[in-house]
Amino acid sequence: MRYDYDSEQEEQVFHEGSWGATKPQPATMKLTCWVDLEKQRGGLEWYDIETGGNRFYAEGGLWFDDNKLSDYDGVADLPPRLYQWLYENELLSDWFIKHAKEDGRLTI
C-alpha cells in the first residue's frame, strides 16, 4: 500500500546548525511525503514556495518496521503536520507517538 501527502502552510522557519540558528521568519512551505509499505520506506520534501526551495529546502528518508515509522534521516525533526498525518494513518510507532505528544508536535 502507498500513502501520499501534499500540504501547503504558512510557517515560521529558520536555518539551524552547529553554529546556532537564524531568526525565525514566515514562509509558505510545501510539504510532500510518500510512504510505500511494501518497501517499508518513504520520503519527504519540504520547501518554501516563494523561491521554489532556494531559501528553505529539506528532504529526508523515512523507514518503517511492521508498517510503523522506526527512523528518519535528512532533517533534525519532522514537521508537526507530518507527525499528525502519520498518526492519523496509523503509521507511527508507540515510541514516536509518546515523544511527539510529549513535545507538543502531535495532537491526539
N, C-alpha and C. Protein backbone atom coordinates (compact mmCIF):
# COMPACT_ATOMS: atom_id res chain seq x y z
N MET A 1 0.84 -1.18 0.00
CA MET A 1 0.00 0.00 0.00
C MET A 1 0.89 1.24 0.00
N ARG A 2 0.44 2.26 -0.72
CA ARG A 2 1.17 3.52 -0.79
C ARG A 2 0.30 4.65 -0.26
N TYR A 3 0.92 5.54 0.50
CA TYR A 3 0.27 6.73 1.01
C TYR A 3 1.00 7.95 0.45
N ASP A 4 0.26 9.00 0.12
CA ASP A 4 0.84 10.25 -0.36
C ASP A 4 0.23 11.42 0.39
N TYR A 5 1.05 12.43 0.65
CA TYR A 5 0.61 13.61 1.39
C TYR A 5 1.18 14.84 0.72
N ASP A 6 0.34 15.84 0.47
CA ASP A 6 0.76 17.15 -0.04
C ASP A 6 0.04 18.21 0.75
N SER A 7 0.79 19.22 1.18
CA SER A 7 0.20 20.26 2.01
C SER A 7 0.99 21.54 1.86
N GLU A 8 0.30 22.67 1.91
CA GLU A 8 0.94 23.98 1.93
C GLU A 8 0.46 24.69 3.18
N GLN A 9 1.40 25.35 3.88
CA GLN A 9 1.04 26.00 5.14
C GLN A 9 2.02 27.13 5.44
N GLU A 10 1.50 28.22 5.97
CA GLU A 10 2.34 29.31 6.46
C GLU A 10 3.00 28.85 7.75
N GLU A 11 4.32 29.01 7.82
CA GLU A 11 5.07 28.55 9.00
C GLU A 11 6.16 29.55 9.36
N GLN A 12 6.63 29.47 10.57
CA GLN A 12 7.83 30.19 11.00
C GLN A 12 8.99 29.22 10.81
N VAL A 13 9.92 29.54 9.92
CA VAL A 13 11.03 28.63 9.62
C VAL A 13 12.37 29.34 9.82
N PHE A 14 13.40 28.53 10.03
CA PHE A 14 14.74 29.07 10.29
C PHE A 14 15.78 28.04 9.88
N HIS A 15 17.01 28.51 9.73
CA HIS A 15 18.14 27.62 9.48
C HIS A 15 18.80 27.34 10.81
N GLU A 16 19.27 26.10 11.00
CA GLU A 16 19.91 25.72 12.26
C GLU A 16 21.08 24.81 11.98
N GLY A 17 22.15 25.00 12.72
CA GLY A 17 23.33 24.16 12.59
C GLY A 17 24.15 24.22 13.86
N SER A 18 25.35 23.66 13.81
CA SER A 18 26.22 23.66 14.99
C SER A 18 26.60 25.08 15.39
N TRP A 19 26.48 26.02 14.49
CA TRP A 19 26.81 27.42 14.72
C TRP A 19 25.69 28.17 15.42
N GLY A 20 24.51 27.57 15.51
CA GLY A 20 23.36 28.23 16.12
C GLY A 20 22.18 28.21 15.17
N ALA A 21 21.35 29.25 15.25
CA ALA A 21 20.15 29.30 14.42
C ALA A 21 19.86 30.74 13.99
N THR A 22 19.23 30.86 12.83
CA THR A 22 18.80 32.17 12.37
C THR A 22 17.47 32.51 13.03
N LYS A 23 17.09 33.76 12.93
CA LYS A 23 15.81 34.21 13.48
C LYS A 23 14.67 33.63 12.64
N PRO A 24 13.64 33.08 13.27
CA PRO A 24 12.50 32.54 12.51
C PRO A 24 11.85 33.62 11.65
N GLN A 25 11.43 33.22 10.47
CA GLN A 25 10.74 34.13 9.56
C GLN A 25 9.59 33.40 8.89
N PRO A 26 8.53 34.14 8.54
CA PRO A 26 7.37 33.47 7.93
C PRO A 26 7.65 33.06 6.49
N ALA A 27 7.12 31.91 6.12
CA ALA A 27 7.21 31.42 4.75
C ALA A 27 6.08 30.43 4.52
N THR A 28 5.55 30.42 3.31
CA THR A 28 4.58 29.40 2.94
C THR A 28 5.37 28.19 2.48
N MET A 29 5.23 27.11 3.22
CA MET A 29 6.02 25.90 2.98
C MET A 29 5.16 24.80 2.38
N LYS A 30 5.70 24.14 1.37
CA LYS A 30 5.04 22.96 0.78
C LYS A 30 5.72 21.72 1.35
N LEU A 31 4.91 20.80 1.83
CA LEU A 31 5.40 19.54 2.37
C LEU A 31 4.79 18.40 1.56
N THR A 32 5.65 17.58 0.99
CA THR A 32 5.23 16.41 0.24
C THR A 32 5.85 15.19 0.90
N CYS A 33 5.06 14.15 1.08
CA CYS A 33 5.55 12.93 1.71
C CYS A 33 4.93 11.73 1.00
N TRP A 34 5.68 10.66 0.92
CA TRP A 34 5.16 9.40 0.39
C TRP A 34 5.65 8.27 1.29
N VAL A 35 4.83 7.25 1.39
CA VAL A 35 5.16 6.06 2.17
C VAL A 35 4.76 4.84 1.34
N ASP A 36 5.69 3.92 1.14
CA ASP A 36 5.45 2.67 0.43
C ASP A 36 5.62 1.53 1.44
N LEU A 37 4.51 0.99 1.92
CA LEU A 37 4.58 -0.04 2.96
C LEU A 37 5.12 -1.36 2.44
N GLU A 38 5.02 -1.62 1.13
CA GLU A 38 5.62 -2.84 0.59
C GLU A 38 7.13 -2.81 0.74
N LYS A 39 7.71 -1.62 0.57
CA LYS A 39 9.17 -1.46 0.69
C LYS A 39 9.59 -1.01 2.09
N GLN A 40 8.60 -0.68 2.94
CA GLN A 40 8.85 -0.22 4.31
C GLN A 40 9.76 1.02 4.34
N ARG A 41 9.50 1.94 3.40
CA ARG A 41 10.25 3.19 3.38
C ARG A 41 9.41 4.28 2.76
N GLY A 42 9.90 5.50 2.91
CA GLY A 42 9.22 6.65 2.34
C GLY A 42 10.17 7.82 2.27
N GLY A 43 9.64 8.97 1.96
CA GLY A 43 10.48 10.15 1.86
C GLY A 43 9.65 11.41 2.01
N LEU A 44 10.35 12.53 2.18
CA LEU A 44 9.68 13.81 2.30
C LEU A 44 10.50 14.89 1.62
N GLU A 45 9.80 15.92 1.17
CA GLU A 45 10.42 17.11 0.63
C GLU A 45 9.66 18.28 1.21
N TRP A 46 10.39 19.31 1.67
CA TRP A 46 9.79 20.43 2.39
C TRP A 46 10.50 21.68 1.94
N TYR A 47 9.79 22.62 1.33
CA TYR A 47 10.46 23.80 0.80
C TYR A 47 9.53 25.01 0.76
N ASP A 48 10.14 26.20 0.68
CA ASP A 48 9.34 27.42 0.59
C ASP A 48 8.87 27.59 -0.85
N ILE A 49 7.61 27.94 -1.00
CA ILE A 49 7.00 28.07 -2.31
C ILE A 49 7.51 29.31 -3.04
N GLU A 50 7.69 30.40 -2.32
CA GLU A 50 8.08 31.68 -2.93
C GLU A 50 9.33 31.56 -3.80
N THR A 51 10.35 30.85 -3.31
CA THR A 51 11.61 30.74 -4.05
C THR A 51 11.83 29.35 -4.65
N GLY A 52 10.83 28.49 -4.54
CA GLY A 52 10.98 27.14 -5.07
C GLY A 52 12.04 26.33 -4.33
N GLY A 53 12.27 26.69 -3.08
CA GLY A 53 13.24 25.96 -2.26
C GLY A 53 14.63 26.57 -2.23
N ASN A 54 14.82 27.71 -2.86
CA ASN A 54 16.14 28.35 -2.81
C ASN A 54 16.45 28.96 -1.45
N ARG A 55 15.42 29.37 -0.71
CA ARG A 55 15.64 29.94 0.62
C ARG A 55 15.56 28.87 1.71
N PHE A 56 14.54 28.03 1.65
CA PHE A 56 14.38 26.95 2.62
C PHE A 56 14.10 25.66 1.87
N TYR A 57 14.90 24.63 2.14
CA TYR A 57 14.70 23.34 1.47
C TYR A 57 15.22 22.23 2.37
N ALA A 58 14.46 21.16 2.46
CA ALA A 58 14.91 19.97 3.19
C ALA A 58 14.28 18.75 2.53
N GLU A 59 14.99 17.65 2.58
CA GLU A 59 14.45 16.38 2.12
C GLU A 59 14.95 15.30 3.06
N GLY A 60 14.23 14.21 3.13
CA GLY A 60 14.65 13.16 4.03
C GLY A 60 14.03 11.83 3.69
N GLY A 61 14.52 10.81 4.37
CA GLY A 61 14.02 9.46 4.21
C GLY A 61 13.26 9.02 5.45
N LEU A 62 12.31 8.13 5.24
CA LEU A 62 11.51 7.54 6.33
C LEU A 62 11.64 6.03 6.23
N TRP A 63 11.85 5.38 7.37
CA TRP A 63 11.96 3.93 7.40
C TRP A 63 10.93 3.36 8.35
N PHE A 64 10.38 2.22 7.98
CA PHE A 64 9.28 1.60 8.72
C PHE A 64 9.60 0.16 9.07
N ASP A 65 9.16 -0.27 10.24
CA ASP A 65 9.19 -1.67 10.66
C ASP A 65 7.76 -2.05 11.00
N ASP A 66 7.28 -3.13 10.43
CA ASP A 66 5.89 -3.57 10.66
C ASP A 66 4.89 -2.44 10.42
N ASN A 67 5.12 -1.66 9.36
CA ASN A 67 4.24 -0.58 8.93
C ASN A 67 4.16 0.59 9.91
N LYS A 68 5.14 0.73 10.78
CA LYS A 68 5.20 1.85 11.73
C LYS A 68 6.54 2.56 11.56
N LEU A 69 6.54 3.90 11.60
CA LEU A 69 7.77 4.67 11.47
C LEU A 69 8.76 4.23 12.54
N SER A 70 9.98 3.87 12.11
CA SER A 70 11.02 3.45 13.05
C SER A 70 12.22 4.39 13.03
N ASP A 71 12.39 5.15 11.93
CA ASP A 71 13.55 6.04 11.84
C ASP A 71 13.33 7.02 10.70
N TYR A 72 14.06 8.13 10.75
CA TYR A 72 14.06 9.09 9.65
C TYR A 72 15.43 9.74 9.59
N ASP A 73 15.74 10.35 8.46
CA ASP A 73 17.04 10.99 8.28
C ASP A 73 16.87 12.17 7.33
N GLY A 74 17.81 13.11 7.40
CA GLY A 74 17.80 14.25 6.48
C GLY A 74 17.34 15.54 7.11
N VAL A 75 16.57 15.46 8.17
CA VAL A 75 16.09 16.63 8.90
C VAL A 75 16.27 16.37 10.40
N ALA A 76 16.44 17.45 11.16
CA ALA A 76 16.61 17.29 12.60
C ALA A 76 15.33 16.78 13.26
N ASP A 77 14.18 17.21 12.74
CA ASP A 77 12.90 16.77 13.27
C ASP A 77 11.87 16.84 12.17
N LEU A 78 10.83 16.07 12.31
CA LEU A 78 9.75 16.09 11.33
C LEU A 78 8.78 17.23 11.65
N PRO A 79 8.19 17.84 10.64
CA PRO A 79 7.19 18.88 10.88
C PRO A 79 6.00 18.31 11.65
N PRO A 80 5.42 19.08 12.59
CA PRO A 80 4.27 18.57 13.34
C PRO A 80 3.13 18.06 12.46
N ARG A 81 2.87 18.74 11.34
CA ARG A 81 1.77 18.27 10.49
C ARG A 81 2.07 16.91 9.87
N LEU A 82 3.34 16.57 9.72
CA LEU A 82 3.69 15.24 9.21
C LEU A 82 3.48 14.19 10.30
N TYR A 83 3.86 14.51 11.54
CA TYR A 83 3.56 13.60 12.65
C TYR A 83 2.05 13.33 12.70
N GLN A 84 1.26 14.40 12.57
CA GLN A 84 -0.19 14.26 12.65
C GLN A 84 -0.72 13.35 11.54
N TRP A 85 -0.24 13.57 10.31
CA TRP A 85 -0.68 12.75 9.17
C TRP A 85 -0.28 11.29 9.36
N LEU A 86 0.95 11.04 9.80
CA LEU A 86 1.39 9.67 10.04
C LEU A 86 0.54 9.01 11.13
N TYR A 87 0.23 9.76 12.18
CA TYR A 87 -0.60 9.24 13.26
C TYR A 87 -2.00 8.89 12.75
N GLU A 88 -2.60 9.81 12.00
CA GLU A 88 -3.96 9.60 11.50
C GLU A 88 -4.06 8.41 10.55
N ASN A 89 -2.95 8.04 9.93
CA ASN A 89 -2.91 6.88 9.04
C ASN A 89 -2.32 5.64 9.71
N GLU A 90 -2.18 5.71 11.05
CA GLU A 90 -1.69 4.59 11.88
C GLU A 90 -0.31 4.12 11.43
N LEU A 91 0.57 5.09 11.11
CA LEU A 91 1.92 4.78 10.65
C LEU A 91 3.00 5.15 11.67
N LEU A 92 2.61 5.60 12.85
CA LEU A 92 3.58 5.96 13.89
C LEU A 92 3.72 4.84 14.91
N SER A 93 4.95 4.54 15.29
CA SER A 93 5.19 3.57 16.36
C SER A 93 4.81 4.20 17.70
N ASP A 94 4.63 3.36 18.71
CA ASP A 94 4.29 3.85 20.05
C ASP A 94 5.35 4.84 20.56
N TRP A 95 6.62 4.58 20.25
CA TRP A 95 7.70 5.47 20.71
C TRP A 95 7.52 6.87 20.12
N PHE A 96 7.28 6.97 18.81
CA PHE A 96 7.08 8.28 18.18
C PHE A 96 5.82 8.95 18.69
N ILE A 97 4.77 8.20 18.91
CA ILE A 97 3.53 8.78 19.44
C ILE A 97 3.80 9.39 20.80
N LYS A 98 4.46 8.65 21.67
CA LYS A 98 4.75 9.12 23.03
C LYS A 98 5.57 10.40 22.99
N HIS A 99 6.67 10.41 22.27
CA HIS A 99 7.57 11.56 22.28
C HIS A 99 7.01 12.77 21.53
N ALA A 100 6.34 12.54 20.41
CA ALA A 100 5.75 13.67 19.67
C ALA A 100 4.61 14.30 20.48
N LYS A 101 3.87 13.48 21.20
CA LYS A 101 2.80 14.01 22.03
C LYS A 101 3.37 14.82 23.20
N GLU A 102 4.40 14.29 23.85
CA GLU A 102 5.02 14.99 24.99
C GLU A 102 5.62 16.32 24.56
N ASP A 103 6.19 16.38 23.36
CA ASP A 103 6.83 17.60 22.86
C ASP A 103 5.83 18.57 22.23
N GLY A 104 4.57 18.21 22.16
CA GLY A 104 3.56 19.08 21.58
C GLY A 104 3.52 19.08 20.06
N ARG A 105 4.17 18.12 19.43
CA ARG A 105 4.17 18.04 17.98
C ARG A 105 3.04 17.18 17.45
N LEU A 106 2.30 16.52 18.34
CA LEU A 106 1.21 15.64 17.94
C LEU A 106 0.02 15.89 18.85
N THR A 107 -1.15 16.07 18.24
CA THR A 107 -2.39 16.26 18.98
C THR A 107 -3.24 15.02 18.81
N ILE A 108 -3.61 14.43 19.95
CA ILE A 108 -4.44 13.23 19.92
C ILE A 108 -5.82 13.55 20.49
